[in-house]
């Protein structure tokens, strides 16, 4: 009799398992997406590129000619970063001295409010100096860490004029910059 009761209980349990599984909700159909209709439009990476820079000119007994091209990328609509080059020609006719400075930089800025952006850049310039211990000219690298604020005024969809007020945190006797550093230039989207 015990075996018949155990067999009946096992039969009921096995039969109820099928009832439990039949209580599951039917699967919810998943929406289908087509490859030609993206869920969110994306800006092509080439539309995020911009170029620009500035030039500097001064003539007379002291001549200064500078070119400062940049190439940047808008990582987000407010955050951009990039690279740039620097070339400066200096001539001081009173001391009969002329030299060229050249180098590169990396920069980043974040638009906080309508074109106002904190700006940071690291620059390495190679320049010529007169080494009194060797009694001759030699070239050295000069590092600059410039931080400050910029303001960009858009002129059209893909262009802007900027003004920057920067401070060189690595002020060096051989640095071509005197604090504060004021820059005016332009940017053009590609």
Foldseek 3Di string as FASTA:
>chain_A
DVVVVVVVVVVVVVVVVVVVVVPDDDDDDDDDDDPVDDPDDDDPQLQQKKKKWDWDFDDDQKTKTKTKIWIKGCPDPFKIKTKIKIWMWIAHNVVRDIWIKIWMKIKMWGHPDQQKIKIWMKIKIKIWDQDVVVRGIDIDIDIWIKIFIKGWDDDDDFKTKMKTWIDTPRDDPPDPDDPTDIDIMMMGRD
